Every structure is written in structure tokens, then in C-alpha cells.
Amino acid sequence: MQPQKRSIFHEPAVIVALIGLIGTIVTAIVAPLIIRAVEKSTATPVFPDSAAFTGTLVPLPTYTPISLITPTATPTEEEQALQVLVDAKNWPLVFADPFDTNAYGWPEGERTSESVTADLKIINGAYLWKIRANTNSAINWVRPRIDPSQDFYAGVRARRVNDQVDMNYALTFRDQGNGNFYEFKLYMDQHFVVRIYDKNKPADQGKSEIFTNQPTTRFRPEDANKLEVVGIGNDYWFFINDQFVKHLNRTELSGGIIGLSLEIRLAGQEAQVEFDDFELRKAP
């Protein structure tokens, strides 16, 4: 009986050799594919040169988390007042006077009263006052020939020419021509006052009343300073050099002319003041 023939594939050595051959073939084919895939995923991207780009770049939207959004704060009194000033400065202009001429009928010349001796003139682009006090608390005030104002903006620059005098200058408003008016005045020791003169008050109540009297560093006594008042109904806002200093609500006077005043506190003293850039606007 002849011995049975065995296939070479049944030989262990042959099987091992075949497995090794298959592994070599798989490695040769698959490994490069894996290497290329890894290189592609980690390579630095290459962008076209900006000069060659002809499309439109659309920026990505940015968002603020709701938790980081701060609600709009309520405006402060000063912020509200400054907005009132900005609005009022855009009202129709009644007149703006640089005092190059006397086109608006400001009083000029010499004048004497029981309390003051005054010489007023428009000269060198300013309204120059030379005042001598005949009594203590001597006051000189003037009003241009303009119609009474209701809701208004008024502003003026004032500069004392001589120092060492106890004096103050003021912007007057709601002046009804009979000694009744409000005034906004600056004192040279750096405080301001808002006051009413009211001749209709009973004698036992006095003819004047101070509404506010407070210090301020918002003006320089040796320089020209700007006084401004905005009046809307019974509300009044006061500004020194474009900075808010006070708001008041007063009902005593309604309507009246805008004017200027100067007070010398001690008899025998003399003061010189220049007013300039007077401006008046009315609400539309």
C-alpha cells in the first residue's frame, strides 16, 4: 500500500511562511495610507495668498452672554442737566451779542443813583462797567430792550478787571421791570447765590430771599467766566463754565427779561467788569 501524499500547505513551516508573506503585503499597502492620513490631519493648513483672494470675507458674529450685559443706568441729575443744556443751546436764537456794537440797546453812559455812580460803555468788543459804591451793598443792573422770555436759555461771560474788591456779578432773569427778578451771581471768593427780589412781599418777610448759597471751584475769579441759566416753566438749571451746579423749582415769577447786574459790598470801593458774548434763546 502506497503512503498517502500530504499537501505542502499542511506543513507548519509553509504555513508560517505564508502568514509572514501576507503580513508583509498588508504592511506595504496599508502603512503608507495610514501615514498620509496622519500627515494630512496634522499638517499646517495653507491659505491662498490674500492678493489672489477675490471673495468677500464675512466676519463671524460675536455675542455677549446675557449674564454679562449691564442694564442701562438711570441718568444722574448732572447728566440730565447737561442734556437740558445741550437741548436748550439748539433752540431758536433770539440774539447773540459779542458787543462789537450796541445793536440791542444796552444802557451806556454815566448814571448816578443813591447807591452807585456808574460809567457804562461798549468798547473793544466788550461791555465795560466802571462802578463806584456810594453805599454798602450797592447794585447796578441793566436790561436790553428785548421781549420778555418764557422758556429760555441765557448765557454771558464776565471778567473783573480790577481785583481786591469785594464784589459779585450776576445774570438776572424773569425780570418784570418793577424790581421783581431772580439773579444768579458769582462771588469772587468762589461761591454762588440764587436769589429773588420781590417787592410784592410783605415788609415783614423782606424784599429778597436766597434760595441757594454754596461754594464752588468751577470758576476762576481772575479769568472770564461763563454764567448760564436754562428756564423751563418753573424749573431752572444753573451752569458755570458749562458745568452744572444747581437745579431749582420756583413758582414766584413767570416771564420776564434777561439782564446783568453787579454788586459792590462796601461803600467807597470801585469795581470794573467786562461782560461779553451775551446769548439768548427761546424754546420753539
Protein backbone atom coordinates (compact mmCIF):
# COMPACT_ATOMS: atom_id res chain seq x y z
CA MET A 1 0.00 0.00 0.00
CA GLN A 2 1.45 3.28 -1.10
CA PRO A 3 1.82 6.05 1.51
CA GLN A 4 -0.75 8.96 1.33
CA LYS A 5 0.65 12.25 -0.11
CA ARG A 6 0.41 15.39 2.18
CA SER A 7 -0.18 18.89 0.78
CA ILE A 8 2.61 21.35 1.34
CA PHE A 9 0.04 23.68 2.91
CA HIS A 10 -0.22 21.19 5.74
CA GLU A 11 3.40 21.73 6.61
CA PRO A 12 3.86 24.10 9.61
CA ALA A 13 6.86 25.78 8.12
CA VAL A 14 4.95 26.59 4.95
CA ILE A 15 2.00 27.99 6.92
CA VAL A 16 4.27 30.27 8.92
CA ALA A 17 5.93 31.46 5.74
CA LEU A 18 2.56 32.26 4.13
CA ILE A 19 1.39 34.24 7.16
CA GLY A 20 4.60 36.25 7.10
CA LEU A 21 4.19 36.93 3.38
CA ILE A 22 0.61 38.13 3.83
CA GLY A 23 1.66 40.42 6.70
CA THR A 24 4.42 41.95 4.58
CA ILE A 25 1.98 42.59 1.70
CA VAL A 26 -0.62 44.21 4.04
CA THR A 27 2.04 46.38 5.69
CA ALA A 28 3.35 47.52 2.32
CA ILE A 29 -0.14 48.53 1.16
CA VAL A 30 -1.83 49.88 4.34
CA ALA A 31 1.05 51.62 6.13
CA PRO A 32 1.56 54.38 3.51
CA LEU A 33 -2.18 55.05 3.54
CA ILE A 34 -2.14 55.49 7.35
CA ILE A 35 0.95 57.74 7.24
CA ARG A 36 -0.63 60.01 4.58
CA ALA A 37 -3.86 60.26 6.61
CA VAL A 38 -1.98 61.26 9.76
CA GLU A 39 0.14 63.82 7.88
CA LYS A 40 -2.96 65.35 6.32
CA SER A 41 -4.71 65.77 9.67
CA THR A 42 -1.68 67.39 11.40
CA ALA A 43 -0.26 69.48 8.58
CA THR A 44 -0.41 73.30 8.77
CA PRO A 45 -3.25 74.48 6.50
CA VAL A 46 -2.18 76.51 3.51
CA PHE A 47 -4.37 79.50 2.58
CA PRO A 48 -4.40 81.24 -0.74
CA ASP A 49 -2.39 84.43 -0.94
CA SER A 50 -4.56 87.43 0.04
CA ALA A 51 -3.81 89.14 -3.25
CA ALA A 52 -5.32 86.22 -5.12
CA PHE A 53 -8.48 86.12 -2.97
CA THR A 54 -11.44 87.67 -4.75
CA GLY A 55 -14.29 86.66 -2.45
CA THR A 56 -15.91 88.58 0.43
CA LEU A 57 -14.79 87.90 3.96
CA VAL A 58 -17.81 87.74 6.26
CA PRO A 59 -16.90 88.33 9.91
CA LEU A 60 -18.27 85.87 12.37
CA PRO A 61 -20.91 87.33 14.71
CA THR A 62 -19.94 87.94 18.32
CA TYR A 63 -22.33 87.59 21.20
CA THR A 64 -22.27 88.87 24.76
CA PRO A 65 -23.69 86.43 27.28
CA ILE A 66 -26.85 87.78 28.88
CA SER A 67 -25.22 87.36 32.27
CA LEU A 68 -22.56 89.94 31.27
CA ILE A 69 -24.96 92.60 29.94
CA THR A 70 -25.24 95.55 32.35
CA PRO A 71 -28.66 97.27 32.33
CA THR A 72 -28.61 100.97 31.32
CA ALA A 73 -28.16 103.04 34.48
CA THR A 74 -30.61 105.80 35.36
CA PRO A 75 -29.04 109.16 34.38
CA THR A 76 -27.72 111.20 37.27
CA GLU A 77 -29.03 114.69 37.98
CA GLU A 78 -25.89 116.16 36.41
CA GLU A 79 -26.27 114.04 33.26
CA GLN A 80 -29.90 115.11 32.93
CA ALA A 81 -28.95 118.76 33.44
CA LEU A 82 -26.23 118.63 30.80
CA GLN A 83 -28.74 117.15 28.35
CA VAL A 84 -31.11 120.04 29.15
CA LEU A 85 -28.25 122.44 28.37
CA VAL A 86 -27.43 120.74 25.06
CA ASP A 87 -31.09 120.82 24.00
CA ALA A 88 -31.51 124.47 25.02
CA LYS A 89 -28.45 125.54 23.05
CA ASN A 90 -30.20 124.23 19.95
CA TRP A 91 -33.34 126.34 20.49
CA PRO A 92 -34.01 129.23 18.07
CA LEU A 93 -31.63 132.12 18.64
CA VAL A 94 -33.14 135.43 19.77
CA PHE A 95 -29.81 137.21 19.60
CA ALA A 96 -26.11 136.70 20.25
CA ASP A 97 -24.20 139.84 21.17
CA PRO A 98 -20.37 139.98 21.00
CA PHE A 99 -20.62 143.68 21.95
CA ASP A 100 -18.90 144.89 18.80
CA THR A 101 -21.71 147.45 18.54
CA ASN A 102 -24.72 148.36 20.65
CA ALA A 103 -27.31 146.83 18.36
CA TYR A 104 -29.58 145.72 21.20
CA GLY A 105 -29.94 148.90 23.21
CA TRP A 106 -27.83 148.21 26.28
CA PRO A 107 -27.66 151.29 28.55
CA GLU A 108 -24.49 153.35 28.08
CA GLY A 109 -23.01 156.49 29.58
CA GLU A 110 -22.79 157.88 33.08
CA ARG A 111 -25.53 157.30 35.60
CA THR A 112 -25.82 158.15 39.27
CA SER A 113 -28.17 156.90 41.94
CA GLU A 114 -28.23 156.95 45.70
CA SER A 115 -26.23 153.71 45.79
CA VAL A 116 -23.88 153.85 42.77
CA THR A 117 -22.05 156.07 40.35
CA ALA A 118 -21.61 154.21 37.07
CA ASP A 119 -19.98 154.64 33.70
CA LEU A 120 -21.08 152.03 31.13
CA LYS A 121 -19.74 151.71 27.60
CA ILE A 122 -19.34 149.19 24.82
CA ILE A 123 -15.67 149.34 23.85
CA ASN A 124 -13.08 146.95 22.36
CA GLY A 125 -15.63 144.18 21.88
CA ALA A 126 -16.89 144.17 25.48
CA TYR A 127 -19.48 145.86 27.68
CA LEU A 128 -17.31 147.65 30.26
CA TRP A 129 -18.74 148.74 33.61
CA LYS A 130 -16.94 151.13 35.95
CA ILE A 131 -18.88 151.31 39.22
CA ARG A 132 -18.31 153.24 42.45
CA ALA A 133 -20.31 152.22 45.50
CA ASN A 134 -21.93 155.12 47.34
CA THR A 135 -23.43 152.79 49.93
CA ASN A 136 -22.81 149.28 51.19
CA SER A 137 -24.30 146.53 49.01
CA ALA A 138 -24.55 148.91 46.05
CA ILE A 139 -26.10 147.26 42.99
CA ASN A 140 -26.22 148.30 39.35
CA TRP A 141 -28.30 146.28 36.88
CA VAL A 142 -29.35 146.70 33.27
CA ARG A 143 -31.68 145.03 30.78
CA PRO A 144 -31.50 145.05 26.96
CA ARG A 145 -34.59 146.07 25.01
CA ILE A 146 -35.92 142.62 24.18
CA ASP A 147 -39.25 140.86 24.61
CA PRO A 148 -39.93 139.01 27.87
CA SER A 149 -38.92 135.36 27.72
CA GLN A 150 -40.82 132.26 28.77
CA ASP A 151 -38.79 129.07 28.35
CA PHE A 152 -35.29 130.35 27.68
CA TYR A 153 -31.55 129.81 27.60
CA ALA A 154 -29.34 132.75 28.59
CA GLY A 155 -25.57 132.93 28.85
CA VAL A 156 -22.88 135.58 29.28
CA ARG A 157 -19.14 135.81 30.02
CA ALA A 158 -17.94 138.13 32.76
CA ARG A 159 -14.47 139.18 33.88
CA ARG A 160 -13.47 141.53 36.66
CA VAL A 161 -10.84 144.00 35.50
CA ASN A 162 -9.60 145.10 38.93
CA ASP A 163 -9.16 142.82 41.92
CA GLN A 164 -9.06 143.38 45.68
CA VAL A 165 -12.71 144.43 45.62
CA ASP A 166 -15.49 142.64 47.49
CA MET A 167 -17.91 142.28 44.61
CA ASN A 168 -20.06 139.88 42.60
CA TYR A 169 -21.59 139.85 39.13
CA ALA A 170 -24.81 138.20 38.03
CA LEU A 171 -27.11 137.09 35.26
CA THR A 172 -30.67 138.22 36.08
CA PHE A 173 -33.83 136.60 34.70
CA ARG A 174 -37.61 136.75 34.97
CA ASP A 175 -37.08 140.50 35.45
CA GLN A 176 -40.54 142.05 35.31
CA GLY A 177 -39.31 145.64 35.34
CA ASN A 178 -40.80 146.55 38.71
CA GLY A 179 -37.96 145.40 40.94
CA ASN A 180 -39.04 141.76 40.83
CA PHE A 181 -36.49 139.34 39.39
CA TYR A 182 -34.27 136.32 40.04
CA GLU A 183 -30.48 136.51 39.92
CA PHE A 184 -27.66 134.00 39.55
CA LYS A 185 -24.49 135.61 40.92
CA LEU A 186 -20.84 134.64 41.36
CA TYR A 187 -18.80 135.90 44.31
CA MET A 188 -15.04 136.31 43.99
CA ASP A 189 -14.38 134.07 47.00
CA GLN A 190 -15.76 131.23 44.85
CA HIS A 191 -19.31 130.72 45.91
CA PHE A 192 -22.58 131.41 44.10
CA VAL A 193 -26.05 132.51 45.10
CA VAL A 194 -29.50 132.25 43.52
CA ARG A 195 -31.85 134.87 44.93
CA ILE A 196 -35.19 136.53 44.30
CA TYR A 197 -36.04 140.20 44.71
CA ASP A 198 -39.76 140.55 45.19
CA LYS A 199 -41.23 143.94 46.07
CA ASN A 200 -44.68 142.38 46.35
CA LYS A 201 -43.71 140.56 49.52
CA PRO A 202 -44.99 141.96 52.82
CA ALA A 203 -42.43 144.13 54.59
CA ASP A 204 -42.11 141.67 57.47
CA GLN A 205 -40.97 138.95 55.04
CA GLY A 206 -38.22 141.04 53.46
CA LYS A 207 -37.87 142.00 49.84
CA SER A 208 -35.35 139.33 48.90
CA GLU A 209 -34.80 135.64 49.59
CA ILE A 210 -31.78 133.43 48.96
CA PHE A 211 -32.66 130.01 47.54
CA THR A 212 -29.14 128.61 47.46
CA ASN A 213 -25.75 129.77 48.69
CA GLN A 214 -22.95 127.30 48.18
CA PRO A 215 -19.20 127.14 47.43
CA THR A 216 -17.87 126.10 44.04
CA THR A 217 -14.49 125.68 42.39
CA ARG A 218 -15.95 125.73 38.91
CA PHE A 219 -14.94 129.28 38.14
CA ARG A 220 -11.72 131.28 38.44
CA PRO A 221 -12.16 134.81 39.82
CA GLU A 222 -9.16 136.15 37.88
CA ASP A 223 -10.46 134.88 34.50
CA ALA A 224 -13.53 135.34 32.32
CA ASN A 225 -16.29 133.01 33.49
CA LYS A 226 -19.43 131.89 31.74
CA LEU A 227 -22.79 132.00 33.55
CA GLU A 228 -25.73 130.13 32.02
CA VAL A 229 -29.35 129.62 33.03
CA VAL A 230 -32.00 127.42 31.40
CA GLY A 231 -35.58 128.10 32.45
CA ILE A 232 -38.42 125.73 31.51
CA GLY A 233 -41.66 126.57 33.28
CA ASN A 234 -40.83 126.75 36.97
CA ASP A 235 -37.64 124.68 36.65
CA TYR A 236 -34.23 126.35 36.42
CA TRP A 237 -30.82 124.85 35.76
CA PHE A 238 -27.64 126.78 36.54
CA PHE A 239 -24.21 126.30 34.94
CA ILE A 240 -20.76 127.81 35.45
CA ASN A 241 -18.30 127.39 32.57
CA ASP A 242 -20.58 124.74 31.02
CA GLN A 243 -20.65 122.71 34.25
CA PHE A 244 -23.87 122.02 36.13
CA VAL A 245 -24.05 123.48 39.65
CA LYS A 246 -27.73 123.65 40.68
CA HIS A 247 -31.35 122.89 39.81
CA LEU A 248 -34.28 124.72 41.42
CA ASN A 249 -38.05 124.72 41.08
CA ARG A 250 -39.57 128.11 41.94
CA THR A 251 -43.05 129.44 41.28
CA GLU A 252 -42.80 133.09 42.33
CA LEU A 253 -42.16 134.72 38.93
CA SER A 254 -43.13 133.70 35.41
CA GLY A 255 -41.96 135.54 32.32
CA GLY A 256 -39.62 138.50 32.26
CA ILE A 257 -36.50 139.99 30.73
CA ILE A 258 -32.91 138.73 30.97
CA GLY A 259 -30.30 141.19 32.26
CA LEU A 260 -26.98 141.79 34.02
CA SER A 261 -26.03 143.12 37.45
CA LEU A 262 -23.00 143.93 39.58
CA GLU A 263 -22.83 144.45 43.34
CA ILE A 264 -20.09 146.09 45.45
CA ARG A 265 -20.33 145.17 49.10
CA LEU A 266 -18.55 148.16 50.75
CA ALA A 267 -19.17 151.87 50.25
CA GLY A 268 -16.31 153.79 48.64
CA GLN A 269 -14.95 150.82 46.66
CA GLU A 270 -14.75 150.83 42.87
CA ALA A 271 -15.07 147.88 40.51
CA GLN A 272 -14.57 147.32 36.79
CA VAL A 273 -16.16 144.38 34.99
CA GLU A 274 -16.34 143.35 31.32
CA PHE A 275 -19.35 141.44 30.00
CA ASP A 276 -19.11 139.63 26.67
CA ASP A 277 -20.76 137.03 24.42
CA PHE A 278 -24.30 137.50 25.67
CA GLU A 279 -26.66 134.91 24.15
CA LEU A 280 -30.40 134.39 24.43
CA ARG A 281 -32.50 131.55 23.01
CA LYS A 282 -36.18 130.69 23.35
CA ALA A 283 -37.86 127.32 23.24
CA PRO A 284 -39.64 126.64 19.93
